[in-house]
Amino acid sequence: MTDGLVNYEGAIAALKQADSTLAGVIDQIGPCKLNQCQQTGDLLYSLAESIIFQQLSGKAAATIHQRFLQLYPDQSFPTAQDILATPDEMLRGAGISRPKVTYLKDLAQKILDGLPALEDLETMDDEAIIQTLIPVKGIGRWTVQMLLIFRLHRWDVLPVDDLGIRAAIRNLYGLPELPDRKTVEHLGELWKPYRTIASWYLWQSLCIST
């Protein structure tokens, strides 16, 4: 669903009824603001940004991303052809690691080879999108799930491998250690079909934890 069709009130009411623990988190945090942190840009832009941001702090990643964009001063974002034509040394000079240079160029090549555009992906279900995109080097299930949540506005995504999600569940549900995938998936059954909204509240809970 697109953002314009999101009925946050209905989703939140359903989540609160399904899970009393999450209901307490929702009451503490207040209205969902997921629509205020959505990404823009085409598939190349979105995935290139995700690659650059991987395993870096937000501030450091944002600096490197800005340096990357400055390599192409005459346009808001490079084309796939532009990225392929950029010498590796120039990309490395912007602070992009050697593996990520490889990932960016593999992404650019796959875009040229016919990777579906965002408009095409929007017609596909979540798992089909994941399987379509993970053959790109450096793109795993988690990265595609972030695309589903923050760019394609899908409502029912639960990134079970996300460390923040796992830490929030441990904190809120009194677990002795980080939950494994099965535990997260089992708990997530309560939140269907609004697991994206639940995930947002779990992430936000980390900011209010003591």
C-alpha atoms as a PDB file:
ATOM      1  CA  MET A   1       0.000   0.000   0.000  1.00  0.00           C
ATOM      2  CA  THR A   2       1.129   3.529  -0.609  1.00  0.00           C
ATOM      3  CA  ASP A   3       1.522   6.047   2.172  1.00  0.00           C
ATOM      4  CA  GLY A   4      -1.652   7.819   1.179  1.00  0.00           C
ATOM      5  CA  LEU A   5      -3.623   4.661   1.996  1.00  0.00           C
ATOM      6  CA  VAL A   6      -2.089   4.116   5.409  1.00  0.00           C
ATOM      7  CA  ASN A   7      -4.686   4.102   8.176  1.00  0.00           C
ATOM      8  CA  TYR A   8      -2.438   4.404  11.182  1.00  0.00           C
ATOM      9  CA  GLU A   9      -5.311   4.674  13.642  1.00  0.00           C
ATOM     10  CA  GLY A  10      -6.782   1.374  12.528  1.00  0.00           C
ATOM     11  CA  ALA A  11      -3.391  -0.346  12.516  1.00  0.00           C
ATOM     12  CA  ILE A  12      -2.499   0.933  15.975  1.00  0.00           C
ATOM     13  CA  ALA A  13      -5.858  -0.040  17.409  1.00  0.00           C
ATOM     14  CA  ALA A  14      -5.419  -3.576  16.085  1.00  0.00           C
ATOM     15  CA  LEU A  15      -1.875  -3.840  17.461  1.00  0.00           C
ATOM     16  CA  LYS A  16      -2.914  -2.609  20.901  1.00  0.00           C
ATOM     17  CA  GLN A  17      -5.736  -5.119  21.042  1.00  0.00           C
ATOM     18  CA  ALA A  18      -3.450  -7.981  19.953  1.00  0.00           C
ATOM     19  CA  ASP A  19      -0.503  -7.314  22.286  1.00  0.00           C
ATOM     20  CA  SER A  20      -0.784  -5.610  25.662  1.00  0.00           C
ATOM     21  CA  THR A  21       2.982  -5.165  25.958  1.00  0.00           C
ATOM     22  CA  LEU A  22       3.198  -3.384  22.630  1.00  0.00           C
ATOM     23  CA  ALA A  23       0.118  -1.380  23.606  1.00  0.00           C
ATOM     24  CA  GLY A  24       2.074   0.084  26.514  1.00  0.00           C
ATOM     25  CA  VAL A  25       4.909   1.067  24.170  1.00  0.00           C
ATOM     26  CA  ILE A  26       2.468   2.694  21.755  1.00  0.00           C
ATOM     27  CA  ASP A  27       0.860   4.690  24.559  1.00  0.00           C
ATOM     28  CA  GLN A  28       4.274   5.880  25.726  1.00  0.00           C
ATOM     29  CA  ILE A  29       5.584   6.863  22.288  1.00  0.00           C
ATOM     30  CA  GLY A  30       2.427   8.285  20.810  1.00  0.00           C
ATOM     31  CA  PRO A  31       1.370   8.595  17.159  1.00  0.00           C
ATOM     32  CA  CYS A  32       3.270   6.645  14.509  1.00  0.00           C
ATOM     33  CA  LYS A  33       5.519   8.914  12.432  1.00  0.00           C
ATOM     34  CA  LEU A  34       6.761   6.336   9.965  1.00  0.00           C
ATOM     35  CA  ASN A  35       5.442   8.425   7.089  1.00  0.00           C
ATOM     36  CA  GLN A  36       7.859  11.200   8.096  1.00  0.00           C
ATOM     37  CA  CYS A  37      10.968   9.069   7.481  1.00  0.00           C
ATOM     38  CA  GLN A  38      10.208   7.613   4.064  1.00  0.00           C
ATOM     39  CA  GLN A  39      12.881   7.545   1.376  1.00  0.00           C
ATOM     40  CA  THR A  40      12.697   9.054  -2.077  1.00  0.00           C
ATOM     41  CA  GLY A  41      14.426   8.305  -5.366  1.00  0.00           C
ATOM     42  CA  ASP A  42      14.465   5.406  -7.797  1.00  0.00           C
ATOM     43  CA  LEU A  43      15.730   1.870  -7.175  1.00  0.00           C
ATOM     44  CA  LEU A  44      19.338   2.719  -8.010  1.00  0.00           C
ATOM     45  CA  TYR A  45      19.308   5.666  -5.614  1.00  0.00           C
ATOM     46  CA  SER A  46      17.648   3.704  -2.799  1.00  0.00           C
ATOM     47  CA  LEU A  47      19.870   0.636  -2.988  1.00  0.00           C
ATOM     48  CA  ALA A  48      23.069   2.613  -3.545  1.00  0.00           C
ATOM     49  CA  GLU A  49      22.301   4.632  -0.436  1.00  0.00           C
ATOM     50  CA  SER A  50      21.632   1.425   1.513  1.00  0.00           C
ATOM     51  CA  ILE A  51      24.951  -0.058   0.377  1.00  0.00           C
ATOM     52  CA  ILE A  52      26.895   3.046   1.396  1.00  0.00           C
ATOM     53  CA  PHE A  53      25.163   3.171   4.803  1.00  0.00           C
ATOM     54  CA  GLN A  54      25.801  -0.486   5.648  1.00  0.00           C
ATOM     55  CA  GLN A  55      27.780  -1.093   8.865  1.00  0.00           C
ATOM     56  CA  LEU A  56      28.463   2.599   9.436  1.00  0.00           C
ATOM     57  CA  SER A  57      27.146   5.136  11.902  1.00  0.00           C
ATOM     58  CA  GLY A  58      24.529   7.449  10.449  1.00  0.00           C
ATOM     59  CA  LYS A  59      26.783  10.516  10.552  1.00  0.00           C
ATOM     60  CA  ALA A  60      29.773   8.841   8.909  1.00  0.00           C
ATOM     61  CA  ALA A  61      27.590   7.207   6.266  1.00  0.00           C
ATOM     62  CA  ALA A  62      25.841  10.491   5.472  1.00  0.00           C
ATOM     63  CA  THR A  63      29.215  12.193   4.964  1.00  0.00           C
ATOM     64  CA  ILE A  64      30.421   9.478   2.584  1.00  0.00           C
ATOM     65  CA  HIS A  65      27.113   9.490   0.730  1.00  0.00           C
ATOM     66  CA  GLN A  66      27.397  13.244   0.227  1.00  0.00           C
ATOM     67  CA  ARG A  67      30.953  12.876  -1.093  1.00  0.00           C
ATOM     68  CA  PHE A  68      29.687  10.191  -3.474  1.00  0.00           C
ATOM     69  CA  LEU A  69      27.016  12.534  -4.814  1.00  0.00           C
ATOM     70  CA  GLN A  70      29.590  15.313  -5.217  1.00  0.00           C
ATOM     71  CA  LEU A  71      31.440  13.154  -7.732  1.00  0.00           C
ATOM     72  CA  TYR A  72      28.554  13.946 -10.096  1.00  0.00           C
ATOM     73  CA  PRO A  73      28.023  17.716  -9.679  1.00  0.00           C
ATOM     74  CA  ASP A  74      25.910  18.176 -12.793  1.00  0.00           C
ATOM     75  CA  GLN A  75      23.053  15.927 -11.652  1.00  0.00           C
ATOM     76  CA  SER A  76      21.139  15.075  -8.526  1.00  0.00           C
ATOM     77  CA  PHE A  77      22.159  11.414  -8.771  1.00  0.00           C
ATOM     78  CA  PRO A  78      24.367   9.437 -11.170  1.00  0.00           C
ATOM     79  CA  THR A  79      22.981   6.993 -13.700  1.00  0.00           C
ATOM     80  CA  ALA A  80      24.032   3.361 -13.739  1.00  0.00           C
ATOM     81  CA  GLN A  81      26.298   4.175 -16.692  1.00  0.00           C
ATOM     82  CA  ASP A  82      27.913   6.979 -14.691  1.00  0.00           C
ATOM     83  CA  ILE A  83      28.720   4.680 -11.777  1.00  0.00           C
ATOM     84  CA  LEU A  84      30.228   2.033 -14.050  1.00  0.00           C
ATOM     85  CA  ALA A  85      32.337   4.681 -15.781  1.00  0.00           C
ATOM     86  CA  THR A  86      33.682   6.093 -12.510  1.00  0.00           C
ATOM     87  CA  PRO A  87      37.192   4.793 -11.712  1.00  0.00           C
ATOM     88  CA  ASP A  88      37.344   2.721  -8.563  1.00  0.00           C
ATOM     89  CA  GLU A  89      39.990   5.094  -7.194  1.00  0.00           C
ATOM     90  CA  MET A  90      37.546   8.012  -7.354  1.00  0.00           C
ATOM     91  CA  LEU A  91      34.905   6.076  -5.443  1.00  0.00           C
ATOM     92  CA  ARG A  92      37.500   4.980  -2.897  1.00  0.00           C
ATOM     93  CA  GLY A  93      38.561   8.609  -2.579  1.00  0.00           C
ATOM     94  CA  ALA A  94      35.016   9.478  -1.490  1.00  0.00           C
ATOM     95  CA  GLY A  95      35.442   7.083   1.402  1.00  0.00           C
ATOM     96  CA  ILE A  96      33.645   4.075  -0.059  1.00  0.00           C
ATOM     97  CA  SER A  97      35.286   0.797   0.915  1.00  0.00           C
ATOM     98  CA  ARG A  98      36.639  -1.548  -1.731  1.00  0.00           C
ATOM     99  CA  PRO A  99      33.867  -4.148  -1.236  1.00  0.00           C
ATOM    100  CA  LYS A 100      31.198  -1.454  -1.471  1.00  0.00           C
ATOM    101  CA  VAL A 101      32.719  -0.163  -4.719  1.00  0.00           C
ATOM    102  CA  THR A 102      32.235  -3.674  -6.076  1.00  0.00           C
ATOM    103  CA  TYR A 103      28.674  -3.750  -4.772  1.00  0.00           C
ATOM    104  CA  LEU A 104      27.798  -0.374  -6.330  1.00  0.00           C
ATOM    105  CA  LYS A 105      29.136  -1.403  -9.705  1.00  0.00           C
ATOM    106  CA  ASP A 106      27.373  -4.756  -9.571  1.00  0.00           C
ATOM    107  CA  LEU A 107      24.138  -2.923  -8.757  1.00  0.00           C
ATOM    108  CA  ALA A 108      24.680  -0.526 -11.658  1.00  0.00           C
ATOM    109  CA  GLN A 109      25.363  -3.386 -14.060  1.00  0.00           C
ATOM    110  CA  LYS A 110      22.276  -5.285 -12.942  1.00  0.00           C
ATOM    111  CA  ILE A 111      20.183  -2.130 -13.388  1.00  0.00           C
ATOM    112  CA  LEU A 112      21.408  -1.951 -16.983  1.00  0.00           C
ATOM    113  CA  ASP A 113      20.785  -5.677 -17.418  1.00  0.00           C
ATOM    114  CA  GLY A 114      17.126  -5.197 -16.606  1.00  0.00           C
ATOM    115  CA  LEU A 115      16.612  -5.188 -12.845  1.00  0.00           C
ATOM    116  CA  PRO A 116      12.954  -4.203 -12.337  1.00  0.00           C
ATOM    117  CA  ALA A 117      12.185  -0.550 -11.627  1.00  0.00           C
ATOM    118  CA  LEU A 118      10.349   0.478  -8.473  1.00  0.00           C
ATOM    119  CA  GLU A 119       7.138   0.701 -10.465  1.00  0.00           C
ATOM    120  CA  ASP A 120       7.519  -2.958 -11.434  1.00  0.00           C
ATOM    121  CA  LEU A 121       8.432  -4.037  -7.913  1.00  0.00           C
ATOM    122  CA  GLU A 122       5.285  -2.389  -6.557  1.00  0.00           C
ATOM    123  CA  THR A 123       3.202  -5.021  -8.373  1.00  0.00           C
ATOM    124  CA  MET A 124       5.069  -7.889  -6.664  1.00  0.00           C
ATOM    125  CA  ASP A 125       4.633  -9.389  -3.208  1.00  0.00           C
ATOM    126  CA  ASP A 126       7.281  -8.860  -0.539  1.00  0.00           C
ATOM    127  CA  GLU A 127       9.053 -12.202  -0.841  1.00  0.00           C
ATOM    128  CA  ALA A 128       9.208 -11.953  -4.634  1.00  0.00           C
ATOM    129  CA  ILE A 129      10.874  -8.545  -4.294  1.00  0.00           C
ATOM    130  CA  ILE A 130      13.410  -9.983  -1.847  1.00  0.00           C
ATOM    131  CA  GLN A 131      14.265 -12.855  -4.172  1.00  0.00           C
ATOM    132  CA  THR A 132      14.553 -10.451  -7.120  1.00  0.00           C
ATOM    133  CA  LEU A 133      17.026  -8.143  -5.407  1.00  0.00           C
ATOM    134  CA  ILE A 134      19.252 -10.359  -3.239  1.00  0.00           C
ATOM    135  CA  PRO A 135      21.278 -11.599  -6.251  1.00  0.00           C
ATOM    136  CA  VAL A 136      22.823  -8.103  -6.304  1.00  0.00           C
ATOM    137  CA  LYS A 137      26.159  -8.197  -4.482  1.00  0.00           C
ATOM    138  CA  GLY A 138      25.945  -6.611  -1.051  1.00  0.00           C
ATOM    139  CA  ILE A 139      22.146  -6.744  -0.986  1.00  0.00           C
ATOM    140  CA  GLY A 140      20.728  -9.153   1.577  1.00  0.00           C
ATOM    141  CA  ARG A 141      17.284  -9.796   2.981  1.00  0.00           C
ATOM    142  CA  TRP A 142      17.619  -7.051   5.621  1.00  0.00           C
ATOM    143  CA  THR A 143      18.534  -4.408   3.027  1.00  0.00           C
ATOM    144  CA  VAL A 144      15.545  -5.313   0.871  1.00  0.00           C
ATOM    145  CA  GLN A 145      13.289  -5.246   3.921  1.00  0.00           C
ATOM    146  CA  MET A 146      14.416  -1.673   4.602  1.00  0.00           C
ATOM    147  CA  LEU A 147      13.450  -0.853   1.007  1.00  0.00           C
ATOM    148  CA  LEU A 148      10.065  -2.482   1.574  1.00  0.00           C
ATOM    149  CA  ILE A 149       9.476  -0.459   4.728  1.00  0.00           C
ATOM    150  CA  PHE A 150      10.932   2.931   3.887  1.00  0.00           C
ATOM    151  CA  ARG A 151      10.522   3.179   0.107  1.00  0.00           C
ATOM    152  CA  LEU A 152       7.743   0.823  -0.975  1.00  0.00           C
ATOM    153  CA  HIS A 153       5.608   1.481   2.121  1.00  0.00           C
ATOM    154  CA  ARG A 154       4.720  -2.143   2.789  1.00  0.00           C
ATOM    155  CA  TRP A 155       2.713  -2.668   5.978  1.00  0.00           C
ATOM    156  CA  ASP A 156       3.612  -6.178   7.034  1.00  0.00           C
ATOM    157  CA  VAL A 157       7.406  -6.413   7.130  1.00  0.00           C
ATOM    158  CA  LEU A 158       9.241  -7.793  10.171  1.00  0.00           C
ATOM    159  CA  PRO A 159      13.050  -7.721   9.833  1.00  0.00           C
ATOM    160  CA  VAL A 160      13.735 -10.655  12.136  1.00  0.00           C
ATOM    161  CA  ASP A 161      17.525 -10.315  11.851  1.00  0.00           C
ATOM    162  CA  ASP A 162      17.586  -6.625  12.761  1.00  0.00           C
ATOM    163  CA  LEU A 163      19.611  -6.116  15.933  1.00  0.00           C
ATOM    164  CA  GLY A 164      17.427  -3.216  17.058  1.00  0.00           C
ATOM    165  CA  ILE A 165      14.252  -5.264  16.719  1.00  0.00           C
ATOM    166  CA  ARG A 166      15.799  -8.141  18.661  1.00  0.00           C
ATOM    167  CA  ALA A 167      17.138  -5.850  21.398  1.00  0.00           C
ATOM    168  CA  ALA A 168      13.771  -4.135  21.768  1.00  0.00           C
ATOM    169  CA  ILE A 169      11.977  -7.471  22.116  1.00  0.00           C
ATOM    170  CA  ARG A 170      14.478  -8.630  24.729  1.00  0.00           C
ATOM    171  CA  ASN A 171      13.971  -5.426  26.711  1.00  0.00           C
ATOM    172  CA  LEU A 172      10.194  -5.212  26.455  1.00  0.00           C
ATOM    173  CA  TYR A 173       9.333  -8.863  26.934  1.00  0.00           C
ATOM    174  CA  GLY A 174      11.860  -9.575  29.683  1.00  0.00           C
ATOM    175  CA  LEU A 175      13.942 -12.122  27.809  1.00  0.00           C
ATOM    176  CA  PRO A 176      17.317 -13.168  29.276  1.00  0.00           C
ATOM    177  CA  GLU A 177      19.089 -12.766  25.917  1.00  0.00           C
ATOM    178  CA  LEU A 178      18.513 -11.618  22.368  1.00  0.00           C
ATOM    179  CA  PRO A 179      15.725 -13.661  20.778  1.00  0.00           C
ATOM    180  CA  ASP A 180      16.484 -15.895  17.829  1.00  0.00           C
ATOM    181  CA  ARG A 181      14.705 -15.736  14.483  1.00  0.00           C
ATOM    182  CA  LYS A 182      12.008 -18.243  15.495  1.00  0.00           C
ATOM    183  CA  THR A 183      11.161 -16.307  18.635  1.00  0.00           C
ATOM    184  CA  VAL A 184      10.835 -13.048  16.726  1.00  0.00           C
ATOM    185  CA  GLU A 185       8.716 -14.679  14.037  1.00  0.00           C
ATOM    186  CA  HIS A 186       6.464 -16.307  16.639  1.00  0.00           C
ATOM    187  CA  LEU A 187       5.888 -13.041  18.479  1.00  0.00           C
ATOM    188  CA  GLY A 188       5.350 -11.278  15.165  1.00  0.00           C
ATOM    189  CA  GLU A 189       2.316 -13.442  14.477  1.00  0.00           C
ATOM    190  CA  LEU A 190       0.460 -11.222  16.954  1.00  0.00           C
ATOM    191  CA  TRP A 191       1.180  -8.135  14.861  1.00  0.00           C
ATOM    192  CA  LYS A 192      -0.002  -9.283  11.447  1.00  0.00           C
ATOM    193  CA  PRO A 193      -0.877  -7.613   9.119  1.00  0.00           C
ATOM    194  CA  TYR A 194       0.812  -4.530  10.615  1.00  0.00           C
ATOM    195  CA  ARG A 195       4.284  -5.811  11.445  1.00  0.00           C
ATOM    196  CA  THR A 196       5.899  -2.765   9.825  1.00  0.00           C
ATOM    197  CA  ILE A 197       4.108  -0.482  12.264  1.00  0.00           C
ATOM    198  CA  ALA A 198       5.050  -2.764  15.151  1.00  0.00           C
ATOM    199  CA  SER A 199       8.683  -2.711  14.000  1.00  0.00           C
ATOM    200  CA  TRP A 200       8.669   1.094  13.988  1.00  0.00           C
ATOM    201  CA  TYR A 201       7.446   1.143  17.582  1.00  0.00           C
ATOM    202  CA  LEU A 202      10.055  -1.430  18.596  1.00  0.00           C
ATOM    203  CA  TRP A 203      12.818   0.745  17.125  1.00  0.00           C
ATOM    204  CA  GLN A 204      11.412   3.813  18.878  1.00  0.00           C
ATOM    205  CA  SER A 205      11.300   1.970  22.193  1.00  0.00           C
ATOM    206  CA  LEU A 206      15.092   1.784  22.174  1.00  0.00           C
ATOM    207  CA  CYS A 207      15.211   5.579  22.417  1.00  0.00           C
ATOM    208  CA  ILE A 208      13.188   5.610  25.646  1.00  0.00           C
ATOM    209  CA  SER A 209      14.761   2.583  27.311  1.00  0.00           C
ATOM    210  CA  THR A 210      16.786   3.255  30.420  1.00  0.00           C
END
